[in-house]
Amino acid sequence: MTTIYTTAESAPATAFGGFTRAIANWANGLAAHWVRREAIKNLQALDDRALRDIGIPRSHIEAAVKGNLDLMRLS
């Protein structure tokens, strides 16, 4: 039976790498915020009947979009 050993090590962390990761994390967070705000705006534009059809009370739209709401308990 043949055994294969790998000796490759991960590249050492650098200040530049940490800076680029911080910028990427910030950009991803900003994009996620914009997507959540757009989803909230779209849900708030729906009438009460449409919201009732999907099971979200108007007062819980923000919590539902952020994932902080157990929608099964509302039914």
PDB file of N, CA and C in Angstrom:
ATOM      1  N   MET A   1       0.849  -1.168   0.000  1.00  0.00           N
ATOM      2  CA  MET A   1       0.000   0.000   0.000  1.00  0.00           C
ATOM      3  C   MET A   1       0.895   1.230   0.000  1.00  0.00           C
ATOM      4  N   THR A   2       0.554   2.201  -0.803  1.00  0.00           N
ATOM      5  CA  THR A   2       1.361   3.406  -0.934  1.00  0.00           C
ATOM      6  C   THR A   2       0.827   4.496  -0.028  1.00  0.00           C
ATOM      7  N   THR A   3       1.725   5.179   0.661  1.00  0.00           N
ATOM      8  CA  THR A   3       1.355   6.290   1.520  1.00  0.00           C
ATOM      9  C   THR A   3       1.924   7.569   0.933  1.00  0.00           C
ATOM     10  N   ILE A   4       1.111   8.585   0.862  1.00  0.00           N
ATOM     11  CA  ILE A   4       1.556   9.862   0.319  1.00  0.00           C
ATOM     12  C   ILE A   4       1.592  10.876   1.448  1.00  0.00           C
ATOM     13  N   TYR A   5       2.743  11.518   1.604  1.00  0.00           N
ATOM     14  CA  TYR A   5       2.905  12.536   2.621  1.00  0.00           C
ATOM     15  C   TYR A   5       2.966  13.897   1.939  1.00  0.00           C
ATOM     16  N   THR A   6       2.316  14.856   2.540  1.00  0.00           N
ATOM     17  CA  THR A   6       2.417  16.208   2.002  1.00  0.00           C
ATOM     18  C   THR A   6       3.212  17.056   2.977  1.00  0.00           C
ATOM     19  N   THR A   7       4.073  17.877   2.427  1.00  0.00           N
ATOM     20  CA  THR A   7       4.891  18.734   3.277  1.00  0.00           C
ATOM     21  C   THR A   7       4.566  20.203   3.067  1.00  0.00           C
ATOM     22  N   ALA A   8       3.557  20.478   2.258  1.00  0.00           N
ATOM     23  CA  ALA A   8       3.205  21.875   1.986  1.00  0.00           C
ATOM     24  C   ALA A   8       2.615  22.505   3.241  1.00  0.00           C
ATOM     25  N   GLU A   9       3.061  23.692   3.523  1.00  0.00           N
ATOM     26  CA  GLU A   9       2.541  24.441   4.654  1.00  0.00           C
ATOM     27  C   GLU A   9       1.797  25.653   4.132  1.00  0.00           C
ATOM     28  N   SER A  10       0.873  26.153   4.898  1.00  0.00           N
ATOM     29  CA  SER A  10       0.153  27.332   4.466  1.00  0.00           C
ATOM     30  C   SER A  10       1.074  28.552   4.522  1.00  0.00           C
ATOM     31  N   ALA A  11       0.784  29.493   3.675  1.00  0.00           N
ATOM     32  CA  ALA A  11       1.611  30.700   3.621  1.00  0.00           C
ATOM     33  C   ALA A  11       1.462  31.479   4.923  1.00  0.00           C
ATOM     34  N   PRO A  12       2.533  32.103   5.384  1.00  0.00           N
ATOM     35  CA  PRO A  12       2.439  32.879   6.622  1.00  0.00           C
ATOM     36  C   PRO A  12       1.530  34.091   6.449  1.00  0.00           C
ATOM     37  N   ALA A  13       0.847  34.443   7.502  1.00  0.00           N
ATOM     38  CA  ALA A  13      -0.051  35.596   7.462  1.00  0.00           C
ATOM     39  C   ALA A  13       0.778  36.873   7.402  1.00  0.00           C
ATOM     40  N   THR A  14       0.334  37.801   6.586  1.00  0.00           N
ATOM     41  CA  THR A  14       1.026  39.079   6.471  1.00  0.00           C
ATOM     42  C   THR A  14       0.079  40.199   6.822  1.00  0.00           C
ATOM     43  N   ALA A  15       0.617  41.360   7.067  1.00  0.00           N
ATOM     44  CA  ALA A  15      -0.213  42.518   7.368  1.00  0.00           C
ATOM     45  C   ALA A  15      -1.084  42.860   6.171  1.00  0.00           C
ATOM     46  N   PHE A  16      -0.525  42.747   4.973  1.00  0.00           N
ATOM     47  CA  PHE A  16      -1.303  43.050   3.770  1.00  0.00           C
ATOM     48  C   PHE A  16      -2.460  42.077   3.608  1.00  0.00           C
ATOM     49  N   GLY A  17      -2.204  40.787   3.879  1.00  0.00           N
ATOM     50  CA  GLY A  17      -3.268  39.793   3.791  1.00  0.00           C
ATOM     51  C   GLY A  17      -4.375  40.067   4.789  1.00  0.00           C
ATOM     52  N   GLY A  18      -4.009  40.463   5.995  1.00  0.00           N
ATOM     53  CA  GLY A  18      -5.013  40.796   7.001  1.00  0.00           C
ATOM     54  C   GLY A  18      -5.817  42.023   6.612  1.00  0.00           C
ATOM     55  N   PHE A  19      -5.132  42.995   6.034  1.00  0.00           N
ATOM     56  CA  PHE A  19      -5.819  44.211   5.582  1.00  0.00           C
ATOM     57  C   PHE A  19      -6.800  43.904   4.464  1.00  0.00           C
ATOM     58  N   THR A  20      -6.382  43.095   3.493  1.00  0.00           N
ATOM     59  CA  THR A  20      -7.295  42.769   2.391  1.00  0.00           C
ATOM     60  C   THR A  20      -8.469  41.928   2.873  1.00  0.00           C
ATOM     61  N   ARG A  21      -8.235  41.039   3.842  1.00  0.00           N
ATOM     62  CA  ARG A  21      -9.356  40.274   4.409  1.00  0.00           C
ATOM     63  C   ARG A  21     -10.322  41.191   5.136  1.00  0.00           C
ATOM     64  N   ALA A  22      -9.797  42.184   5.862  1.00  0.00           N
ATOM     65  CA  ALA A  22     -10.665  43.125   6.575  1.00  0.00           C
ATOM     66  C   ALA A  22     -11.508  43.931   5.591  1.00  0.00           C
ATOM     67  N   ILE A  23     -10.897  44.383   4.496  1.00  0.00           N
ATOM     68  CA  ILE A  23     -11.642  45.127   3.475  1.00  0.00           C
ATOM     69  C   ILE A  23     -12.704  44.229   2.843  1.00  0.00           C
ATOM     70  N   ALA A  24     -12.353  42.987   2.538  1.00  0.00           N
ATOM     71  CA  ALA A  24     -13.314  42.056   1.931  1.00  0.00           C
ATOM     72  C   ALA A  24     -14.464  41.772   2.896  1.00  0.00           C
ATOM     73  N   ASN A  25     -14.164  41.578   4.172  1.00  0.00           N
ATOM     74  CA  ASN A  25     -15.224  41.337   5.161  1.00  0.00           C
ATOM     75  C   ASN A  25     -16.141  42.543   5.278  1.00  0.00           C
ATOM     76  N   TRP A  26     -15.564  43.732   5.262  1.00  0.00           N
ATOM     77  CA  TRP A  26     -16.366  44.954   5.330  1.00  0.00           C
ATOM     78  C   TRP A  26     -17.265  45.068   4.098  1.00  0.00           C
ATOM     79  N   ALA A  27     -16.716  44.820   2.918  1.00  0.00           N
ATOM     80  CA  ALA A  27     -17.504  44.907   1.681  1.00  0.00           C
ATOM     81  C   ALA A  27     -18.628  43.876   1.674  1.00  0.00           C
ATOM     82  N   ASN A  28     -18.339  42.650   2.128  1.00  0.00           N
ATOM     83  CA  ASN A  28     -19.379  41.621   2.193  1.00  0.00           C
ATOM     84  C   ASN A  28     -20.473  42.001   3.181  1.00  0.00           C
ATOM     85  N   GLY A  29     -20.084  42.563   4.314  1.00  0.00           N
ATOM     86  CA  GLY A  29     -21.065  43.004   5.297  1.00  0.00           C
ATOM     87  C   GLY A  29     -21.942  44.123   4.764  1.00  0.00           C
ATOM     88  N   LEU A  30     -21.334  45.065   4.049  1.00  0.00           N
ATOM     89  CA  LEU A  30     -22.093  46.169   3.462  1.00  0.00           C
ATOM     90  C   LEU A  30     -23.070  45.659   2.407  1.00  0.00           C
ATOM     91  N   ALA A  31     -22.613  44.743   1.561  1.00  0.00           N
ATOM     92  CA  ALA A  31     -23.493  44.169   0.541  1.00  0.00           C
ATOM     93  C   ALA A  31     -24.651  43.406   1.184  1.00  0.00           C
ATOM     94  N   ALA A  32     -24.373  42.642   2.226  1.00  0.00           N
ATOM     95  CA  ALA A  32     -25.438  41.905   2.919  1.00  0.00           C
ATOM     96  C   ALA A  32     -26.435  42.872   3.545  1.00  0.00           C
ATOM     97  N   HIS A  33     -25.957  43.977   4.084  1.00  0.00           N
ATOM     98  CA  HIS A  33     -26.849  44.991   4.663  1.00  0.00           C
ATOM     99  C   HIS A  33     -27.768  45.562   3.591  1.00  0.00           C
ATOM    100  N   TRP A  34     -27.200  45.885   2.428  1.00  0.00           N
ATOM    101  CA  TRP A  34     -28.022  46.427   1.337  1.00  0.00           C
ATOM    102  C   TRP A  34     -29.076  45.426   0.874  1.00  0.00           C
ATOM    103  N   VAL A  35     -28.718  44.154   0.805  1.00  0.00           N
ATOM    104  CA  VAL A  35     -29.669  43.121   0.389  1.00  0.00           C
ATOM    105  C   VAL A  35     -30.793  43.004   1.412  1.00  0.00           C
ATOM    106  N   ARG A  36     -30.448  43.027   2.710  1.00  0.00           N
ATOM    107  CA  ARG A  36     -31.483  42.955   3.758  1.00  0.00           C
ATOM    108  C   ARG A  36     -32.417  44.163   3.691  1.00  0.00           C
ATOM    109  N   ARG A  37     -31.855  45.376   3.526  1.00  0.00           N
ATOM    110  CA  ARG A  37     -32.693  46.581   3.455  1.00  0.00           C
ATOM    111  C   ARG A  37     -33.633  46.521   2.250  1.00  0.00           C
ATOM    112  N   GLU A  38     -33.138  46.011   1.116  1.00  0.00           N
ATOM    113  CA  GLU A  38     -33.982  45.890  -0.078  1.00  0.00           C
ATOM    114  C   GLU A  38     -35.103  44.870   0.150  1.00  0.00           C
ATOM    115  N   ALA A  39     -34.799  43.763   0.819  1.00  0.00           N
ATOM    116  CA  ALA A  39     -35.821  42.758   1.123  1.00  0.00           C
ATOM    117  C   ALA A  39     -36.876  43.333   2.058  1.00  0.00           C
ATOM    118  N   ILE A  40     -36.448  44.091   3.056  1.00  0.00           N
ATOM    119  CA  ILE A  40     -37.394  44.717   3.980  1.00  0.00           C
ATOM    120  C   ILE A  40     -38.284  45.695   3.227  1.00  0.00           C
ATOM    121  N   LYS A  41     -37.688  46.501   2.357  1.00  0.00           N
ATOM    122  CA  LYS A  41     -38.460  47.476   1.579  1.00  0.00           C
ATOM    123  C   LYS A  41     -39.485  46.779   0.688  1.00  0.00           C
ATOM    124  N   ASN A  42     -39.091  45.681   0.053  1.00  0.00           N
ATOM    125  CA  ASN A  42     -40.012  44.945  -0.818  1.00  0.00           C
ATOM    126  C   ASN A  42     -41.144  44.304  -0.030  1.00  0.00           C
ATOM    127  N   LEU A  43     -40.837  43.743   1.137  1.00  0.00           N
ATOM    128  CA  LEU A  43     -41.894  43.144   1.952  1.00  0.00           C
ATOM    129  C   LEU A  43     -42.845  44.193   2.503  1.00  0.00           C
ATOM    130  N   GLN A  44     -42.320  45.346   2.876  1.00  0.00           N
ATOM    131  CA  GLN A  44     -43.183  46.404   3.387  1.00  0.00           C
ATOM    132  C   GLN A  44     -44.110  46.956   2.308  1.00  0.00           C
ATOM    133  N   ALA A  45     -43.730  46.797   1.046  1.00  0.00           N
ATOM    134  CA  ALA A  45     -44.568  47.266  -0.057  1.00  0.00           C
ATOM    135  C   ALA A  45     -45.749  46.329  -0.317  1.00  0.00           C
ATOM    136  N   LEU A  46     -45.687  45.104   0.198  1.00  0.00           N
ATOM    137  CA  LEU A  46     -46.786  44.158  -0.003  1.00  0.00           C
ATOM    138  C   LEU A  46     -47.995  44.547   0.842  1.00  0.00           C
ATOM    139  N   ASP A  47     -49.175  44.155   0.377  1.00  0.00           N
ATOM    140  CA  ASP A  47     -50.371  44.408   1.181  1.00  0.00           C
ATOM    141  C   ASP A  47     -50.490  43.332   2.263  1.00  0.00           C
ATOM    142  N   ASP A  48     -51.401  43.557   3.201  1.00  0.00           N
ATOM    143  CA  ASP A  48     -51.537  42.649   4.340  1.00  0.00           C
ATOM    144  C   ASP A  48     -51.933  41.234   3.917  1.00  0.00           C
ATOM    145  N   ARG A  49     -52.736  41.108   2.864  1.00  0.00           N
ATOM    146  CA  ARG A  49     -53.156  39.785   2.419  1.00  0.00           C
ATOM    147  C   ARG A  49     -51.956  38.990   1.905  1.00  0.00           C
ATOM    148  N   ALA A  50     -51.093  39.632   1.116  1.00  0.00           N
ATOM    149  CA  ALA A  50     -49.911  38.941   0.593  1.00  0.00           C
ATOM    150  C   ALA A  50     -48.976  38.540   1.734  1.00  0.00           C
ATOM    151  N   LEU A  51     -48.815  39.412   2.706  1.00  0.00           N
ATOM    152  CA  LEU A  51     -47.981  39.063   3.859  1.00  0.00           C
ATOM    153  C   LEU A  51     -48.579  37.899   4.639  1.00  0.00           C
ATOM    154  N   ARG A  52     -49.883  37.907   4.788  1.00  0.00           N
ATOM    155  CA  ARG A  52     -50.551  36.814   5.497  1.00  0.00           C
ATOM    156  C   ARG A  52     -50.367  35.493   4.736  1.00  0.00           C
ATOM    157  N   ASP A  53     -50.374  35.567   3.395  1.00  0.00           N
ATOM    158  CA  ASP A  53     -50.172  34.357   2.584  1.00  0.00           C
ATOM    159  C   ASP A  53     -48.797  33.743   2.805  1.00  0.00           C
ATOM    160  N   ILE A  54     -47.796  34.565   3.002  1.00  0.00           N
ATOM    161  CA  ILE A  54     -46.455  34.018   3.230  1.00  0.00           C
ATOM    162  C   ILE A  54     -46.151  33.842   4.714  1.00  0.00           C
ATOM    163  N   GLY A  55     -47.072  34.250   5.579  1.00  0.00           N
ATOM    164  CA  GLY A  55     -46.941  33.970   7.006  1.00  0.00           C
ATOM    165  C   GLY A  55     -46.095  34.935   7.801  1.00  0.00           C
ATOM    166  N   ILE A  56     -46.006  36.183   7.329  1.00  0.00           N
ATOM    167  CA  ILE A  56     -45.225  37.182   8.064  1.00  0.00           C
ATOM    168  C   ILE A  56     -46.124  38.343   8.464  1.00  0.00           C
ATOM    169  N   PRO A  57     -46.328  38.559   9.755  1.00  0.00           N
ATOM    170  CA  PRO A  57     -47.073  39.750  10.176  1.00  0.00           C
ATOM    171  C   PRO A  57     -46.247  41.009   9.858  1.00  0.00           C
ATOM    172  N   ARG A  58     -46.905  42.091   9.523  1.00  0.00           N
ATOM    173  CA  ARG A  58     -46.214  43.331   9.153  1.00  0.00           C
ATOM    174  C   ARG A  58     -45.236  43.778  10.244  1.00  0.00           C
ATOM    175  N   SER A  59     -45.601  43.575  11.486  1.00  0.00           N
ATOM    176  CA  SER A  59     -44.737  44.023  12.585  1.00  0.00           C
ATOM    177  C   SER A  59     -43.474  43.175  12.752  1.00  0.00           C
ATOM    178  N   HIS A  60     -43.388  42.042  12.057  1.00  0.00           N
ATOM    179  CA  HIS A  60     -42.236  41.151  12.189  1.00  0.00           C
ATOM    180  C   HIS A  60     -41.394  41.064  10.917  1.00  0.00           C
ATOM    181  N   ILE A  61     -41.572  41.986   9.987  1.00  0.00           N
ATOM    182  CA  ILE A  61     -40.847  41.924   8.720  1.00  0.00           C
ATOM    183  C   ILE A  61     -39.341  41.996   8.947  1.00  0.00           C
ATOM    184  N   GLU A  62     -38.885  42.980   9.702  1.00  0.00           N
ATOM    185  CA  GLU A  62     -37.431  43.132   9.905  1.00  0.00           C
ATOM    186  C   GLU A  62     -36.821  41.919  10.588  1.00  0.00           C
ATOM    187  N   ALA A  63     -37.492  41.411  11.594  1.00  0.00           N
ATOM    188  CA  ALA A  63     -36.971  40.236  12.304  1.00  0.00           C
ATOM    189  C   ALA A  63     -36.935  39.018  11.388  1.00  0.00           C
ATOM    190  N   ALA A  64     -37.936  38.869  10.520  1.00  0.00           N
ATOM    191  CA  ALA A  64     -37.968  37.730   9.600  1.00  0.00           C
ATOM    192  C   ALA A  64     -36.831  37.819   8.587  1.00  0.00           C
ATOM    193  N   VAL A  65     -36.567  39.005   8.075  1.00  0.00           N
ATOM    194  CA  VAL A  65     -35.486  39.174   7.100  1.00  0.00           C
ATOM    195  C   VAL A  65     -34.131  38.934   7.741  1.00  0.00           C
ATOM    196  N   LYS A  66     -33.961  39.373   8.967  1.00  0.00           N
ATOM    197  CA  LYS A  66     -32.682  39.192   9.660  1.00  0.00           C
ATOM    198  C   LYS A  66     -32.500  37.771  10.186  1.00  0.00           C
ATOM    199  N   GLY A  67     -33.560  36.968  10.151  1.00  0.00           N
ATOM    200  CA  GLY A  67     -33.461  35.591  10.613  1.00  0.00           C
ATOM    201  C   GLY A  67     -33.618  35.450  12.111  1.00  0.00           C
ATOM    202  N   ASN A  68     -34.136  36.478  12.783  1.00  0.00           N
ATOM    203  CA  ASN A  68     -34.290  36.456  14.239  1.00  0.00           C
ATOM    204  C   ASN A  68     -35.671  36.018  14.678  1.00  0.00           C
ATOM    205  N   LEU A  69     -36.432  35.444  13.788  1.00  0.00           N
ATOM    206  CA  LEU A  69     -37.815  35.145  14.093  1.00  0.00           C
ATOM    207  C   LEU A  69     -38.117  33.704  13.744  1.00  0.00           C
ATOM    208  N   ASP A  70     -38.710  32.990  14.656  1.00  0.00           N
ATOM    209  CA  ASP A  70     -39.148  31.635  14.394  1.00  0.00           C
ATOM    210  C   ASP A  70     -40.559  31.728  13.824  1.00  0.00           C
ATOM    211  N   LEU A  71     -40.689  31.670  12.511  1.00  0.00           N
ATOM    212  CA  LEU A  71     -41.976  31.869  11.855  1.00  0.00           C
ATOM    213  C   LEU A  71     -42.957  30.743  12.165  1.00  0.00           C
ATOM    214  N   MET A  72     -42.465  29.583  12.530  1.00  0.00           N
ATOM    215  CA  MET A  72     -43.366  28.473  12.819  1.00  0.00           C
ATOM    216  C   MET A  72     -44.180  28.743  14.088  1.00  0.00           C
ATOM    217  N   ARG A  73     -43.656  29.531  15.018  1.00  0.00           N
ATOM    218  CA  ARG A  73     -44.389  29.801  16.260  1.00  0.00           C
ATOM    219  C   ARG A  73     -45.506  30.817  16.038  1.00  0.00           C
ATOM    220  N   LEU A  74     -45.445  31.576  14.926  1.00  0.00           N
ATOM    221  CA  LEU A  74     -46.462  32.593  14.686  1.00  0.00           C
ATOM    222  C   LEU A  74     -47.758  32.003  14.145  1.00  0.00           C
ATOM    223  N   SER A  75     -47.670  30.849  13.522  1.00  0.00           N
ATOM    224  CA  SER A  75     -48.853  30.255  12.893  1.00  0.00           C
ATOM    225  C   SER A  75     -49.858  29.770  13.891  1.00  0.00           C
TER     226      SER A  75
END
